[in-house]
Amino acid sequence: KYPLATMVRLSLDSVTGFSRAPLKLATWFGLGGFLL
């Protein structure tokens, strides 16, 4: 009862629910793009 779509959703919930790293990654991408 855990198809690939469910596993992906669980992974997204895990990342966005327990870490601000993706937000920080977005910030660094934005800063790097601005400097470039």
PDB file of all heavy atoms in Angstrom:
ATOM      1  N   LYS A   1       0.833  -1.204   0.000  1.00  0.00           N
ATOM      2  CA  LYS A   1       0.000   0.000   0.000  1.00  0.00           C
ATOM      3  C   LYS A   1       0.867   1.253   0.000  1.00  0.00           C
ATOM      4  O   LYS A   1       0.398   2.344   0.306  1.00  0.00           O
ATOM      5  CB  LYS A   1      -0.911  -0.001   1.239  1.00  0.00           C
ATOM      6  CG  LYS A   1      -1.752  -1.264   1.399  1.00  0.00           C
ATOM      7  CD  LYS A   1      -2.566  -1.575   0.148  1.00  0.00           C
ATOM      8  CE  LYS A   1      -3.456  -2.786   0.330  1.00  0.00           C
ATOM      9  NZ  LYS A   1      -2.729  -4.026   0.557  1.00  0.00           N
ATOM     10  N   TYR A   2       2.155   1.062  -0.353  1.00  0.00           N
ATOM     11  CA  TYR A   2       3.089   2.185  -0.415  1.00  0.00           C
ATOM     12  C   TYR A   2       3.661   2.284  -1.825  1.00  0.00           C
ATOM     13  O   TYR A   2       4.818   1.973  -2.053  1.00  0.00           O
ATOM     14  CB  TYR A   2       4.219   2.000   0.602  1.00  0.00           C
ATOM     15  CG  TYR A   2       4.136   2.947   1.772  1.00  0.00           C
ATOM     16  CD1 TYR A   2       3.282   2.705   2.820  1.00  0.00           C
ATOM     17  CD2 TYR A   2       4.917   4.105   1.814  1.00  0.00           C
ATOM     18  CE1 TYR A   2       3.199   3.580   3.900  1.00  0.00           C
ATOM     19  CE2 TYR A   2       4.843   4.989   2.874  1.00  0.00           C
ATOM     20  CZ  TYR A   2       3.985   4.718   3.915  1.00  0.00           C
ATOM     21  OH  TYR A   2       3.899   5.582   4.970  1.00  0.00           O
ATOM     22  N   PRO A   3       2.861   2.745  -2.802  1.00  0.00           N
ATOM     23  CA  PRO A   3       3.390   2.915  -4.160  1.00  0.00           C
ATOM     24  C   PRO A   3       4.385   4.062  -4.207  1.00  0.00           C
ATOM     25  O   PRO A   3       4.573   4.793  -3.235  1.00  0.00           O
ATOM     26  CB  PRO A   3       2.135   3.235  -4.982  1.00  0.00           C
ATOM     27  CG  PRO A   3       1.183   3.838  -4.003  1.00  0.00           C
ATOM     28  CD  PRO A   3       1.456   3.141  -2.691  1.00  0.00           C
ATOM     29  N   LEU A   4       5.010   4.221  -5.389  1.00  0.00           N
ATOM     30  CA  LEU A   4       6.052   5.234  -5.538  1.00  0.00           C
ATOM     31  C   LEU A   4       5.531   6.629  -5.219  1.00  0.00           C
ATOM     32  O   LEU A   4       6.214   7.422  -4.563  1.00  0.00           O
ATOM     33  CB  LEU A   4       6.604   5.191  -6.967  1.00  0.00           C
ATOM     34  CG  LEU A   4       7.724   6.199  -7.290  1.00  0.00           C
ATOM     35  CD1 LEU A   4       8.916   5.969  -6.383  1.00  0.00           C
ATOM     36  CD2 LEU A   4       8.121   6.090  -8.754  1.00  0.00           C
ATOM     37  N   ALA A   5       4.295   6.952  -5.660  1.00  0.00           N
ATOM     38  CA  ALA A   5       3.740   8.288  -5.409  1.00  0.00           C
ATOM     39  C   ALA A   5       3.613   8.560  -3.916  1.00  0.00           C
ATOM     40  O   ALA A   5       3.900   9.663  -3.438  1.00  0.00           O
ATOM     41  CB  ALA A   5       2.380   8.430  -6.093  1.00  0.00           C
ATOM     42  N   THR A   6       3.195   7.553  -3.148  1.00  0.00           N
ATOM     43  CA  THR A   6       3.062   7.711  -1.700  1.00  0.00           C
ATOM     44  C   THR A   6       4.427   7.888  -1.046  1.00  0.00           C
ATOM     45  O   THR A   6       4.594   8.681  -0.119  1.00  0.00           O
ATOM     46  CB  THR A   6       2.340   6.492  -1.088  1.00  0.00           C
ATOM     47  OG1 THR A   6       1.067   6.348  -1.722  1.00  0.00           O
ATOM     48  CG2 THR A   6       2.141   6.667   0.405  1.00  0.00           C
ATOM     49  N   MET A   7       5.417   7.142  -1.525  1.00  0.00           N
ATOM     50  CA  MET A   7       6.765   7.273  -0.982  1.00  0.00           C
ATOM     51  C   MET A   7       7.327   8.668  -1.245  1.00  0.00           C
ATOM     52  O   MET A   7       7.979   9.265  -0.374  1.00  0.00           O
ATOM     53  CB  MET A   7       7.676   6.212  -1.593  1.00  0.00           C
ATOM     54  CG  MET A   7       7.331   4.793  -1.183  1.00  0.00           C
ATOM     55  SD  MET A   7       8.250   3.546  -2.129  1.00  0.00           S
ATOM     56  CE  MET A   7       9.930   3.990  -1.724  1.00  0.00           C
ATOM     57  N   VAL A   8       7.059   9.204  -2.443  1.00  0.00           N
ATOM     58  CA  VAL A   8       7.531  10.556  -2.759  1.00  0.00           C
ATOM     59  C   VAL A   8       6.854  11.579  -1.865  1.00  0.00           C
ATOM     60  O   VAL A   8       7.497  12.501  -1.349  1.00  0.00           O
ATOM     61  CB  VAL A   8       7.270  10.874  -4.250  1.00  0.00           C
ATOM     62  CG1 VAL A   8       7.551  12.341  -4.545  1.00  0.00           C
ATOM     63  CG2 VAL A   8       8.132   9.987  -5.136  1.00  0.00           C
ATOM     64  N   ARG A   9       5.548  11.416  -1.655  1.00  0.00           N
ATOM     65  CA  ARG A   9       4.813  12.346  -0.793  1.00  0.00           C
ATOM     66  C   ARG A   9       5.338  12.282   0.639  1.00  0.00           C
ATOM     67  O   ARG A   9       5.491  13.317   1.305  1.00  0.00           O
ATOM     68  CB  ARG A   9       3.330  11.990  -0.816  1.00  0.00           C
ATOM     69  CG  ARG A   9       2.410  12.907  -0.023  1.00  0.00           C
ATOM     70  CD  ARG A   9       2.348  14.278  -0.645  1.00  0.00           C
ATOM     71  NE  ARG A   9       3.185  15.240   0.069  1.00  0.00           N
ATOM     72  CZ  ARG A   9       3.387  16.469  -0.332  1.00  0.00           C
ATOM     73  NH1 ARG A   9       2.859  16.906  -1.455  1.00  0.00           N
ATOM     74  NH2 ARG A   9       4.151  17.278   0.353  1.00  0.00           N
ATOM     75  N   LEU A  10       5.612  11.086   1.122  1.00  0.00           N
ATOM     76  CA  LEU A  10       6.162  10.928   2.459  1.00  0.00           C
ATOM     77  C   LEU A  10       7.525  11.598   2.565  1.00  0.00           C
ATOM     78  O   LEU A  10       7.834  12.253   3.563  1.00  0.00           O
ATOM     79  CB  LEU A  10       6.273   9.436   2.808  1.00  0.00           C
ATOM     80  CG  LEU A  10       6.869   9.118   4.187  1.00  0.00           C
ATOM     81  CD1 LEU A  10       5.931   9.582   5.287  1.00  0.00           C
ATOM     82  CD2 LEU A  10       7.142   7.623   4.324  1.00  0.00           C
ATOM     83  N   SER A  11       8.345  11.467   1.533  1.00  0.00           N
ATOM     84  CA  SER A  11       9.660  12.098   1.542  1.00  0.00           C
ATOM     85  C   SER A  11       9.545  13.616   1.572  1.00  0.00           C
ATOM     86  O   SER A  11      10.279  14.289   2.299  1.00  0.00           O
ATOM     87  CB  SER A  11      10.462  11.651   0.310  1.00  0.00           C
ATOM     88  OG  SER A  11      10.656  10.253   0.302  1.00  0.00           O
ATOM     89  N   LEU A  12       8.611  14.161   0.783  1.00  0.00           N
ATOM     90  CA  LEU A  12       8.412  15.612   0.779  1.00  0.00           C
ATOM     91  C   LEU A  12       7.926  16.107   2.135  1.00  0.00           C
ATOM     92  O   LEU A  12       8.372  17.141   2.645  1.00  0.00           O
ATOM     93  CB  LEU A  12       7.422  16.006  -0.313  1.00  0.00           C
ATOM     94  CG  LEU A  12       7.932  15.921  -1.755  1.00  0.00           C
ATOM     95  CD1 LEU A  12       6.807  16.215  -2.733  1.00  0.00           C
ATOM     96  CD2 LEU A  12       9.093  16.889  -1.970  1.00  0.00           C
ATOM     97  N   ASP A  13       6.983  15.362   2.740  1.00  0.00           N
ATOM     98  CA  ASP A  13       6.515  15.730   4.076  1.00  0.00           C
ATOM     99  C   ASP A  13       7.649  15.661   5.091  1.00  0.00           C
ATOM    100  O   ASP A  13       7.736  16.482   6.011  1.00  0.00           O
ATOM    101  CB  ASP A  13       5.375  14.805   4.518  1.00  0.00           C
ATOM    102  CG  ASP A  13       4.060  15.139   3.821  1.00  0.00           C
ATOM    103  OD1 ASP A  13       3.934  16.273   3.312  1.00  0.00           O
ATOM    104  OD2 ASP A  13       3.175  14.264   3.772  1.00  0.00           O
ATOM    105  N   SER A  14       8.522  14.668   4.924  1.00  0.00           N
ATOM    106  CA  SER A  14       9.647  14.522   5.848  1.00  0.00           C
ATOM    107  C   SER A  14      10.594  15.709   5.742  1.00  0.00           C
ATOM    108  O   SER A  14      11.018  16.274   6.756  1.00  0.00           O
ATOM    109  CB  SER A  14      10.405  13.221   5.539  1.00  0.00           C
ATOM    110  OG  SER A  14       9.568  12.102   5.661  1.00  0.00           O
ATOM    111  N   VAL A  15      10.921  16.091   4.508  1.00  0.00           N
ATOM    112  CA  VAL A  15      11.873  17.183   4.297  1.00  0.00           C
ATOM    113  C   VAL A  15      11.292  18.513   4.752  1.00  0.00           C
ATOM    114  O   VAL A  15      11.893  19.254   5.534  1.00  0.00           O
ATOM    115  CB  VAL A  15      12.292  17.243   2.821  1.00  0.00           C
ATOM    116  CG1 VAL A  15      13.121  18.496   2.559  1.00  0.00           C
ATOM    117  CG2 VAL A  15      13.092  16.004   2.447  1.00  0.00           C
ATOM    118  N   THR A  16      10.085  18.832   4.279  1.00  0.00           N
ATOM    119  CA  THR A  16       9.502  20.137   4.597  1.00  0.00           C
ATOM    120  C   THR A  16       9.001  20.217   6.024  1.00  0.00           C
ATOM    121  O   THR A  16       8.842  21.316   6.560  1.00  0.00           O
ATOM    122  CB  THR A  16       8.343  20.454   3.631  1.00  0.00           C
ATOM    123  OG1 THR A  16       7.353  19.415   3.722  1.00  0.00           O
ATOM    124  CG2 THR A  16       8.841  20.546   2.206  1.00  0.00           C
ATOM    125  N   GLY A  17       8.741  19.061   6.643  1.00  0.00           N
ATOM    126  CA  GLY A  17       8.235  19.083   8.014  1.00  0.00           C
ATOM    127  C   GLY A  17       9.322  19.137   9.070  1.00  0.00           C
ATOM    128  O   GLY A  17       9.050  19.494  10.212  1.00  0.00           O
ATOM    129  N   PHE A  18      10.562  18.797   8.710  1.00  0.00           N
ATOM    130  CA  PHE A  18      11.583  18.674   9.740  1.00  0.00           C
ATOM    131  C   PHE A  18      12.879  19.391   9.434  1.00  0.00           C
ATOM    132  O   PHE A  18      13.835  19.265  10.191  1.00  0.00           O
ATOM    133  CB  PHE A  18      11.880  17.191   9.991  1.00  0.00           C
ATOM    134  CG  PHE A  18      10.789  16.501  10.730  1.00  0.00           C
ATOM    135  CD1 PHE A  18       9.736  15.937  10.045  1.00  0.00           C
ATOM    136  CD2 PHE A  18      10.775  16.455  12.105  1.00  0.00           C
ATOM    137  CE1 PHE A  18       8.707  15.326  10.713  1.00  0.00           C
ATOM    138  CE2 PHE A  18       9.758  15.844  12.792  1.00  0.00           C
ATOM    139  CZ  PHE A  18       8.713  15.276  12.101  1.00  0.00           C
ATOM    140  N   SER A  19      12.923  20.132   8.356  1.00  0.00           N
ATOM    141  CA  SER A  19      14.172  20.810   8.051  1.00  0.00           C
ATOM    142  C   SER A  19      13.906  22.105   7.289  1.00  0.00           C
ATOM    143  O   SER A  19      13.036  22.161   6.414  1.00  0.00           O
ATOM    144  CB  SER A  19      15.077  19.898   7.205  1.00  0.00           C
ATOM    145  OG  SER A  19      16.253  20.582   6.829  1.00  0.00           O
ATOM    146  N   ARG A  20      14.667  23.137   7.637  1.00  0.00           N
ATOM    147  CA  ARG A  20      14.618  24.390   6.896  1.00  0.00           C
ATOM    148  C   ARG A  20      15.722  24.449   5.836  1.00  0.00           C
ATOM    149  O   ARG A  20      15.915  25.479   5.183  1.00  0.00           O
ATOM    150  CB  ARG A  20      14.778  25.572   7.856  1.00  0.00           C
ATOM    151  CG  ARG A  20      13.604  25.766   8.800  1.00  0.00           C
ATOM    152  CD  ARG A  20      13.804  26.998   9.649  1.00  0.00           C
ATOM    153  NE  ARG A  20      15.008  26.882  10.461  1.00  0.00           N
ATOM    154  CZ  ARG A  20      15.533  27.888  11.151  1.00  0.00           C
ATOM    155  NH1 ARG A  20      14.984  29.087  11.096  1.00  0.00           N
ATOM    156  NH2 ARG A  20      16.623  27.705  11.865  1.00  0.00           N
ATOM    157  N   ALA A  21      16.426  23.336   5.661  1.00  0.00           N
ATOM    158  CA  ALA A  21      17.533  23.318   4.700  1.00  0.00           C
ATOM    159  C   ALA A  21      17.088  23.674   3.282  1.00  0.00           C
ATOM    160  O   ALA A  21      17.789  24.422   2.599  1.00  0.00           O
ATOM    161  CB  ALA A  21      18.216  21.948   4.724  1.00  0.00           C
ATOM    162  N   PRO A  22      15.934  23.156   2.787  1.00  0.00           N
ATOM    163  CA  PRO A  22      15.539  23.566   1.431  1.00  0.00           C
ATOM    164  C   PRO A  22      15.304  25.069   1.307  1.00  0.00           C
ATOM    165  O   PRO A  22      15.614  25.656   0.267  1.00  0.00           O
ATOM    166  CB  PRO A  22      14.235  22.782   1.208  1.00  0.00           C
ATOM    167  CG  PRO A  22      14.375  21.586   2.067  1.00  0.00           C
ATOM    168  CD  PRO A  22      15.077  22.080   3.297  1.00  0.00           C
ATOM    169  N   LEU A  23      14.749  25.684   2.359  1.00  0.00           N
ATOM    170  CA  LEU A  23      14.572  27.133   2.318  1.00  0.00           C
ATOM    171  C   LEU A  23      15.923  27.835   2.248  1.00  0.00           C
ATOM    172  O   LEU A  23      16.109  28.810   1.514  1.00  0.00           O
ATOM    173  CB  LEU A  23      13.794  27.613   3.542  1.00  0.00           C
ATOM    174  CG  LEU A  23      12.271  27.446   3.499  1.00  0.00           C
ATOM    175  CD1 LEU A  23      11.665  27.879   4.821  1.00  0.00           C
ATOM    176  CD2 LEU A  23      11.674  28.244   2.355  1.00  0.00           C
ATOM    177  N   LYS A  24      16.868  27.346   3.027  1.00  0.00           N
ATOM    178  CA  LYS A  24      18.208  27.935   2.996  1.00  0.00           C
ATOM    179  C   LYS A  24      18.854  27.706   1.632  1.00  0.00           C
ATOM    180  O   LYS A  24      19.562  28.574   1.122  1.00  0.00           O
ATOM    181  CB  LYS A  24      19.070  27.316   4.098  1.00  0.00           C
ATOM    182  CG  LYS A  24      18.573  27.636   5.511  1.00  0.00           C
ATOM    183  CD  LYS A  24      19.450  26.950   6.551  1.00  0.00           C
ATOM    184  CE  LYS A  24      18.946  27.255   7.962  1.00  0.00           C
ATOM    185  NZ  LYS A  24      19.745  26.564   8.993  1.00  0.00           N
ATOM    186  N   LEU A  25      18.595  26.529   1.058  1.00  0.00           N
ATOM    187  CA  LEU A  25      19.127  26.237  -0.263  1.00  0.00           C
ATOM    188  C   LEU A  25      18.564  27.214  -1.294  1.00  0.00           C
ATOM    189  O   LEU A  25      19.291  27.712  -2.162  1.00  0.00           O
ATOM    190  CB  LEU A  25      18.772  24.799  -0.653  1.00  0.00           C
ATOM    191  CG  LEU A  25      19.323  24.289  -1.990  1.00  0.00           C
ATOM    192  CD1 LEU A  25      20.837  24.249  -1.956  1.00  0.00           C
ATOM    193  CD2 LEU A  25      18.759  22.913  -2.294  1.00  0.00           C
ATOM    194  N   ALA A  26      17.270  27.494  -1.200  1.00  0.00           N
ATOM    195  CA  ALA A  26      16.658  28.459  -2.104  1.00  0.00           C
ATOM    196  C   ALA A  26      17.286  29.844  -1.935  1.00  0.00           C
ATOM    197  O   ALA A  26      17.525  30.565  -2.908  1.00  0.00           O
ATOM    198  CB  ALA A  26      15.153  28.526  -1.862  1.00  0.00           C
ATOM    199  N   THR A  27      17.561  30.199  -0.689  1.00  0.00           N
ATOM    200  CA  THR A  27      18.188  31.500  -0.430  1.00  0.00           C
ATOM    201  C   THR A  27      19.576  31.568  -1.052  1.00  0.00           C
ATOM    202  O   THR A  27      19.942  32.565  -1.692  1.00  0.00           O
ATOM    203  CB  THR A  27      18.286  31.745   1.083  1.00  0.00           C
ATOM    204  OG1 THR A  27      16.974  31.694   1.647  1.00  0.00           O
ATOM    205  CG2 THR A  27      18.897  33.106   1.378  1.00  0.00           C
ATOM    206  N   TRP A  28      20.359  30.495  -0.892  1.00  0.00           N
ATOM    207  CA  TRP A  28      21.709  30.490  -1.463  1.00  0.00           C
ATOM    208  C   TRP A  28      21.678  30.472  -2.988  1.00  0.00           C
ATOM    209  O   TRP A  28      22.510  31.105  -3.645  1.00  0.00           O
ATOM    210  CB  TRP A  28      22.494  29.285  -0.930  1.00  0.00           C
ATOM    211  CG  TRP A  28      22.967  29.461   0.472  1.00  0.00           C
ATOM    212  CD1 TRP A  28      22.514  28.825   1.582  1.00  0.00           C
ATOM    213  CD2 TRP A  28      23.992  30.368   0.919  1.00  0.00           C
ATOM    214  NE1 TRP A  28      23.175  29.269   2.698  1.00  0.00           N
ATOM    215  CE2 TRP A  28      24.089  30.204   2.324  1.00  0.00           C
ATOM    216  CE3 TRP A  28      24.817  31.293   0.277  1.00  0.00           C
ATOM    217  CZ2 TRP A  28      24.993  30.929   3.099  1.00  0.00           C
ATOM    218  CZ3 TRP A  28      25.707  32.014   1.048  1.00  0.00           C
ATOM    219  CH2 TRP A  28      25.798  31.834   2.432  1.00  0.00           C
ATOM    220  N   PHE A  29      20.719  29.753  -3.561  1.00  0.00           N
ATOM    221  CA  PHE A  29      20.559  29.789  -5.018  1.00  0.00           C
ATOM    222  C   PHE A  29      20.255  31.206  -5.495  1.00  0.00           C
ATOM    223  O   PHE A  29      20.805  31.687  -6.489  1.00  0.00           O
ATOM    224  CB  PHE A  29      19.431  28.853  -5.453  1.00  0.00           C
ATOM    225  CG  PHE A  29      19.880  27.443  -5.697  1.00  0.00           C
ATOM    226  CD1 PHE A  29      19.044  26.370  -5.420  1.00  0.00           C
ATOM    227  CD2 PHE A  29      21.142  27.175  -6.217  1.00  0.00           C
ATOM    228  CE1 PHE A  29      19.459  25.071  -5.643  1.00  0.00           C
ATOM    229  CE2 PHE A  29      21.561  25.876  -6.439  1.00  0.00           C
ATOM    230  CZ  PHE A  29      20.716  24.825  -6.154  1.00  0.00           C
ATOM    231  N   GLY A  30      19.338  31.865  -4.781  1.00  0.00           N
ATOM    232  CA  GLY A  30      18.988  33.226  -5.156  1.00  0.00           C
ATOM    233  C   GLY A  30      20.163  34.170  -5.044  1.00  0.00           C
ATOM    234  O   GLY A  30      20.405  34.999  -5.940  1.00  0.00           O
ATOM    235  N   LEU A  31      20.935  34.058  -3.962  1.00  0.00           N
ATOM    236  CA  LEU A  31      22.104  34.916  -3.767  1.00  0.00           C
ATOM    237  C   LEU A  31      23.165  34.636  -4.829  1.00  0.00           C
ATOM    238  O   LEU A  31      23.750  35.562  -5.412  1.00  0.00           O
ATOM    239  CB  LEU A  31      22.688  34.691  -2.367  1.00  0.00           C
ATOM    240  CG  LEU A  31      23.927  35.519  -2.010  1.00  0.00           C
ATOM    241  CD1 LEU A  31      23.621  37.011  -2.102  1.00  0.00           C
ATOM    242  CD2 LEU A  31      24.432  35.148  -0.614  1.00  0.00           C
ATOM    243  N   GLY A  32      23.398  33.345  -5.093  1.00  0.00           N
ATOM    244  CA  GLY A  32      24.382  32.988  -6.108  1.00  0.00           C
ATOM    245  C   GLY A  32      23.982  33.477  -7.491  1.00  0.00           C
ATOM    246  O   GLY A  32      24.816  33.991  -8.252  1.00  0.00           O
ATOM    247  N   GLY A  33      22.691  33.333  -7.810  1.00  0.00           N
ATOM    248  CA  GLY A  33      22.211  33.824  -9.094  1.00  0.00           C
ATOM    249  C   GLY A  33      22.346  35.334  -9.224  1.00  0.00           C
ATOM    250  O   GLY A  33      22.700  35.852 -10.293  1.00  0.00           O
ATOM    251  N   PHE A  34      22.087  36.056  -8.136  1.00  0.00           N
ATOM    252  CA  PHE A  34      22.220  37.516  -8.150  1.00  0.00           C
ATOM    253  C   PHE A  34      23.674  37.931  -8.397  1.00  0.00           C
ATOM    254  O   PHE A  34      23.961  38.808  -9.222  1.00  0.00           O
ATOM    255  CB  PHE A  34      21.720  38.098  -6.831  1.00  0.00           C
ATOM    256  CG  PHE A  34      21.958  39.579  -6.688  1.00  0.00           C
ATOM    257  CD1 PHE A  34      21.167  40.492  -7.373  1.00  0.00           C
ATOM    258  CD2 PHE A  34      22.983  40.049  -5.876  1.00  0.00           C
ATOM    259  CE1 PHE A  34      21.401  41.854  -7.259  1.00  0.00           C
ATOM    260  CE2 PHE A  34      23.219  41.410  -5.747  1.00  0.00           C
ATOM    261  CZ  PHE A  34      22.428  42.315  -6.440  1.00  0.00           C
ATOM    262  N   LEU A  35      24.610  37.294  -7.688  1.00  0.00           N
ATOM    263  CA  LEU A  35      26.023  37.629  -7.859  1.00  0.00           C
ATOM    264  C   LEU A  35      26.503  37.300  -9.271  1.00  0.00           C
ATOM    265  O   LEU A  35      27.270  38.063  -9.882  1.00  0.00           O
ATOM    266  CB  LEU A  35      26.865  36.871  -6.823  1.00  0.00           C
ATOM    267  CG  LEU A  35      26.628  37.266  -5.362  1.00  0.00           C
ATOM    268  CD1 LEU A  35      27.461  36.381  -4.436  1.00  0.00           C
ATOM    269  CD2 LEU A  35      26.972  38.739  -5.133  1.00  0.00           C
ATOM    270  N   LEU A  36      26.041  36.156  -9.797  1.00  0.00           N
ATOM    271  CA  LEU A  36      26.425  35.780 -11.153  1.00  0.00           C
ATOM    272  C   LEU A  36      25.851  36.765 -12.167  1.00  0.00           C
ATOM    273  O   LEU A  36      26.516  37.137 -13.151  1.00  0.00           O
ATOM    274  CB  LEU A  36      25.949  34.364 -11.453  1.00  0.00           C
ATOM    275  CG  LEU A  36      26.334  33.795 -12.826  1.00  0.00           C
ATOM    276  CD1 LEU A  36      27.854  33.802 -13.003  1.00  0.00           C
ATOM    277  CD2 LEU A  36      25.792  32.374 -12.995  1.00  0.00           C
TER     278      LEU A  36
END
